[in-house]
Amino acid sequence: MSETAFDDLIGLLRSALKRVIYNSRSKQPIFVELVVAIGLRWLADGSYQEIEDVFGVSTTEAYRSRNKFIDALLNCDQLQIRLPTTVTEWEELRKLFESKNSEGVINDAKKERLRQQSNGLLLRTLRALWRELSRDM
């Protein structure tokens, strides 16, 4: 992600992520930029241990920041993220993923897992798919 895109995302999410700058147990401030960075790293398949090490936060703060970031993304009107609510919508999403599968990256077992996950959150599905696609490349 470019620095400009990161700054644009922060601009969109800043009001939703504002909170007390200093965490009571931490000597380091918890800025909006940190919350966004933690959330993006988690979406990119970062482990909590890695997030704790890289950003110098506790496990609790890693989870809290991830949750705040996801909530801010889903509730940001400008981003217009809408999760599928019906089986039909999930099937349409699955077909969209499949249409991007020009090199056969998603095999039948992975397609079936995507179908089975249709009751879960879109972000969790996308994250799992990203991990599987990354392994296959």
C-alpha atoms as a PDB file:
ATOM      1  CA  MET A   1       0.000   0.000   0.000  1.00  0.00           C
ATOM      2  CA  SER A   2       1.364   3.381  -0.921  1.00  0.00           C
ATOM      3  CA  GLU A   3       1.842   6.064   1.692  1.00  0.00           C
ATOM      4  CA  THR A   4      -0.804   8.179  -0.042  1.00  0.00           C
ATOM      5  CA  ALA A   5      -3.348   5.325   0.075  1.00  0.00           C
ATOM      6  CA  PHE A   6      -2.504   4.743   3.753  1.00  0.00           C
ATOM      7  CA  ASP A   7      -3.026   8.445   4.504  1.00  0.00           C
ATOM      8  CA  ASP A   8      -6.317   8.438   2.580  1.00  0.00           C
ATOM      9  CA  LEU A   9      -7.529   5.428   4.573  1.00  0.00           C
ATOM     10  CA  ILE A  10      -6.560   7.116   7.832  1.00  0.00           C
ATOM     11  CA  GLY A  11      -8.496  10.199   6.732  1.00  0.00           C
ATOM     12  CA  LEU A  12     -11.600   8.088   6.168  1.00  0.00           C
ATOM     13  CA  LEU A  13     -11.312   6.200   9.466  1.00  0.00           C
ATOM     14  CA  ARG A  14      -9.889   8.858  11.815  1.00  0.00           C
ATOM     15  CA  SER A  15     -13.170   9.935  13.418  1.00  0.00           C
ATOM     16  CA  ALA A  16     -14.229   6.323  14.053  1.00  0.00           C
ATOM     17  CA  LEU A  17     -10.843   5.408  15.537  1.00  0.00           C
ATOM     18  CA  LYS A  18     -10.276   8.436  17.766  1.00  0.00           C
ATOM     19  CA  ARG A  19      -9.805   7.534  21.396  1.00  0.00           C
ATOM     20  CA  VAL A  20      -7.697   8.447  24.355  1.00  0.00           C
ATOM     21  CA  ILE A  21      -4.216   8.767  22.916  1.00  0.00           C
ATOM     22  CA  TYR A  22      -2.463   7.103  25.838  1.00  0.00           C
ATOM     23  CA  ASN A  23      -3.231   3.571  26.882  1.00  0.00           C
ATOM     24  CA  SER A  24      -3.139   3.399  30.679  1.00  0.00           C
ATOM     25  CA  ARG A  25      -0.535   0.609  30.739  1.00  0.00           C
ATOM     26  CA  SER A  26       1.522   1.716  27.789  1.00  0.00           C
ATOM     27  CA  LYS A  27       4.259   4.292  27.668  1.00  0.00           C
ATOM     28  CA  GLN A  28       3.652   4.619  23.927  1.00  0.00           C
ATOM     29  CA  PRO A  29       0.660   6.470  22.492  1.00  0.00           C
ATOM     30  CA  ILE A  30      -1.962   4.529  20.591  1.00  0.00           C
ATOM     31  CA  PHE A  31      -2.506   6.752  17.551  1.00  0.00           C
ATOM     32  CA  VAL A  32      -5.012   6.185  14.768  1.00  0.00           C
ATOM     33  CA  GLU A  33      -2.107   5.422  12.421  1.00  0.00           C
ATOM     34  CA  LEU A  34      -1.015   2.592  14.714  1.00  0.00           C
ATOM     35  CA  VAL A  35      -4.515   1.105  14.848  1.00  0.00           C
ATOM     36  CA  VAL A  36      -4.763   1.199  11.033  1.00  0.00           C
ATOM     37  CA  ALA A  37      -1.293  -0.328  10.627  1.00  0.00           C
ATOM     38  CA  ILE A  38      -2.161  -3.149  13.038  1.00  0.00           C
ATOM     39  CA  GLY A  39      -5.457  -3.802  11.240  1.00  0.00           C
ATOM     40  CA  LEU A  40      -3.830  -3.867   7.809  1.00  0.00           C
ATOM     41  CA  ARG A  41      -1.051  -6.163   9.014  1.00  0.00           C
ATOM     42  CA  TRP A  42      -3.624  -8.566  10.461  1.00  0.00           C
ATOM     43  CA  LEU A  43      -5.565  -8.589   7.167  1.00  0.00           C
ATOM     44  CA  ALA A  44      -2.285  -9.360   5.390  1.00  0.00           C
ATOM     45  CA  ASP A  45      -2.038 -12.505   7.533  1.00  0.00           C
ATOM     46  CA  GLY A  46       0.158 -11.108  10.277  1.00  0.00           C
ATOM     47  CA  SER A  47       0.267 -13.233  13.400  1.00  0.00           C
ATOM     48  CA  TYR A  48      -0.524 -11.640  16.739  1.00  0.00           C
ATOM     49  CA  GLN A  49       3.005 -12.397  17.927  1.00  0.00           C
ATOM     50  CA  GLU A  50       4.399 -10.575  14.902  1.00  0.00           C
ATOM     51  CA  ILE A  51       2.033  -7.629  15.467  1.00  0.00           C
ATOM     52  CA  GLU A  52       3.068  -7.437  19.115  1.00  0.00           C
ATOM     53  CA  ASP A  53       6.762  -7.520  18.192  1.00  0.00           C
ATOM     54  CA  VAL A  54       6.618  -5.102  15.267  1.00  0.00           C
ATOM     55  CA  PHE A  55       4.323  -2.519  16.846  1.00  0.00           C
ATOM     56  CA  GLY A  56       5.319  -2.984  20.486  1.00  0.00           C
ATOM     57  CA  VAL A  57       1.789  -3.581  21.747  1.00  0.00           C
ATOM     58  CA  SER A  58       0.280  -6.123  24.104  1.00  0.00           C
ATOM     59  CA  THR A  59      -1.866  -9.014  22.939  1.00  0.00           C
ATOM     60  CA  THR A  60      -4.906  -7.205  24.306  1.00  0.00           C
ATOM     61  CA  GLU A  61      -4.048  -4.069  22.339  1.00  0.00           C
ATOM     62  CA  ALA A  62      -3.445  -6.089  19.165  1.00  0.00           C
ATOM     63  CA  TYR A  63      -6.941  -7.581  19.435  1.00  0.00           C
ATOM     64  CA  ARG A  64      -8.524  -4.264  20.428  1.00  0.00           C
ATOM     65  CA  SER A  65      -6.884  -2.419  17.528  1.00  0.00           C
ATOM     66  CA  ARG A  66      -7.843  -5.139  15.048  1.00  0.00           C
ATOM     67  CA  ASN A  67     -11.459  -5.054  16.189  1.00  0.00           C
ATOM     68  CA  LYS A  68     -11.668  -1.260  16.118  1.00  0.00           C
ATOM     69  CA  PHE A  69     -10.121  -1.198  12.634  1.00  0.00           C
ATOM     70  CA  ILE A  70     -12.535  -3.819  11.228  1.00  0.00           C
ATOM     71  CA  ASP A  71     -15.525  -2.057  12.796  1.00  0.00           C
ATOM     72  CA  ALA A  72     -14.367   1.284  11.371  1.00  0.00           C
ATOM     73  CA  LEU A  73     -13.947  -0.251   7.886  1.00  0.00           C
ATOM     74  CA  LEU A  74     -17.368  -1.874   7.912  1.00  0.00           C
ATOM     75  CA  ASN A  75     -19.086   1.268   9.190  1.00  0.00           C
ATOM     76  CA  CYS A  76     -17.337   3.772   6.910  1.00  0.00           C
ATOM     77  CA  ASP A  77     -20.012   5.141   4.571  1.00  0.00           C
ATOM     78  CA  GLN A  78     -17.429   6.320   2.023  1.00  0.00           C
ATOM     79  CA  LEU A  79     -16.023   2.796   1.582  1.00  0.00           C
ATOM     80  CA  GLN A  80     -19.507   1.373   0.996  1.00  0.00           C
ATOM     81  CA  ILE A  81     -18.603  -2.100   2.262  1.00  0.00           C
ATOM     82  CA  ARG A  82     -21.689  -4.275   2.343  1.00  0.00           C
ATOM     83  CA  LEU A  83     -21.475  -7.839   3.512  1.00  0.00           C
ATOM     84  CA  PRO A  84     -23.577 -10.449   1.715  1.00  0.00           C
ATOM     85  CA  THR A  85     -26.687 -11.339   3.669  1.00  0.00           C
ATOM     86  CA  THR A  86     -28.180 -14.189   1.642  1.00  0.00           C
ATOM     87  CA  VAL A  87     -26.950 -17.461   0.219  1.00  0.00           C
ATOM     88  CA  THR A  88     -27.546 -16.030  -3.261  1.00  0.00           C
ATOM     89  CA  GLU A  89     -25.317 -13.036  -2.563  1.00  0.00           C
ATOM     90  CA  TRP A  90     -22.588 -15.335  -1.219  1.00  0.00           C
ATOM     91  CA  GLU A  91     -22.885 -17.470  -4.340  1.00  0.00           C
ATOM     92  CA  GLU A  92     -22.497 -14.361  -6.513  1.00  0.00           C
ATOM     93  CA  LEU A  93     -19.388 -13.440  -4.538  1.00  0.00           C
ATOM     94  CA  ARG A  94     -18.022 -16.960  -4.974  1.00  0.00           C
ATOM     95  CA  LYS A  95     -18.596 -16.711  -8.717  1.00  0.00           C
ATOM     96  CA  LEU A  96     -16.773 -13.391  -8.784  1.00  0.00           C
ATOM     97  CA  PHE A  97     -13.776 -14.991  -7.062  1.00  0.00           C
ATOM     98  CA  GLU A  98     -13.975 -17.894  -9.490  1.00  0.00           C
ATOM     99  CA  SER A  99     -13.983 -15.514 -12.470  1.00  0.00           C
ATOM    100  CA  LYS A 100     -10.663 -14.139 -11.227  1.00  0.00           C
ATOM    101  CA  ASN A 101      -9.299 -17.700 -11.153  1.00  0.00           C
ATOM    102  CA  SER A 102      -7.842 -17.681 -14.647  1.00  0.00           C
ATOM    103  CA  GLU A 103      -4.851 -19.838 -13.680  1.00  0.00           C
ATOM    104  CA  GLY A 104      -6.746 -22.473 -11.700  1.00  0.00           C
ATOM    105  CA  VAL A 105      -5.453 -21.176  -8.382  1.00  0.00           C
ATOM    106  CA  ILE A 106      -8.635 -22.039  -6.538  1.00  0.00           C
ATOM    107  CA  ASN A 107      -9.224 -25.773  -6.740  1.00  0.00           C
ATOM    108  CA  ASP A 108     -12.503 -27.593  -6.058  1.00  0.00           C
ATOM    109  CA  ALA A 109     -11.734 -28.218  -2.385  1.00  0.00           C
ATOM    110  CA  LYS A 110     -11.053 -24.528  -1.843  1.00  0.00           C
ATOM    111  CA  LYS A 111     -14.245 -23.620  -3.690  1.00  0.00           C
ATOM    112  CA  GLU A 112     -16.181 -25.966  -1.430  1.00  0.00           C
ATOM    113  CA  ARG A 113     -14.635 -24.398   1.667  1.00  0.00           C
ATOM    114  CA  LEU A 114     -15.678 -20.974   0.375  1.00  0.00           C
ATOM    115  CA  ARG A 115     -19.243 -22.253  -0.042  1.00  0.00           C
ATOM    116  CA  GLN A 116     -19.208 -23.666   3.486  1.00  0.00           C
ATOM    117  CA  GLN A 117     -18.002 -20.364   4.887  1.00  0.00           C
ATOM    118  CA  SER A 118     -20.983 -18.505   3.455  1.00  0.00           C
ATOM    119  CA  ASN A 119     -22.374 -17.895   6.935  1.00  0.00           C
ATOM    120  CA  GLY A 120     -19.146 -16.225   8.158  1.00  0.00           C
ATOM    121  CA  LEU A 121     -17.858 -12.705   7.819  1.00  0.00           C
ATOM    122  CA  LEU A 122     -16.654 -11.620   4.405  1.00  0.00           C
ATOM    123  CA  LEU A 123     -13.386 -10.379   5.865  1.00  0.00           C
ATOM    124  CA  ARG A 124     -12.621 -13.740   7.456  1.00  0.00           C
ATOM    125  CA  THR A 125     -13.354 -15.452   4.145  1.00  0.00           C
ATOM    126  CA  LEU A 126     -11.183 -13.028   2.241  1.00  0.00           C
ATOM    127  CA  ARG A 127      -8.360 -13.460   4.742  1.00  0.00           C
ATOM    128  CA  ALA A 128      -8.478 -17.272   4.482  1.00  0.00           C
ATOM    129  CA  LEU A 129      -8.619 -17.085   0.712  1.00  0.00           C
ATOM    130  CA  TRP A 130      -5.667 -14.703   0.624  1.00  0.00           C
ATOM    131  CA  ARG A 131      -3.601 -17.102   2.764  1.00  0.00           C
ATOM    132  CA  GLU A 132      -4.455 -20.033   0.474  1.00  0.00           C
ATOM    133  CA  LEU A 133      -3.759 -18.079  -2.680  1.00  0.00           C
ATOM    134  CA  SER A 134      -0.457 -16.852  -1.264  1.00  0.00           C
ATOM    135  CA  ARG A 135       0.605 -20.429  -0.502  1.00  0.00           C
ATOM    136  CA  ASP A 136      -0.249 -21.580  -4.030  1.00  0.00           C
ATOM    137  CA  MET A 137       1.782 -18.875  -5.757  1.00  0.00           C
END
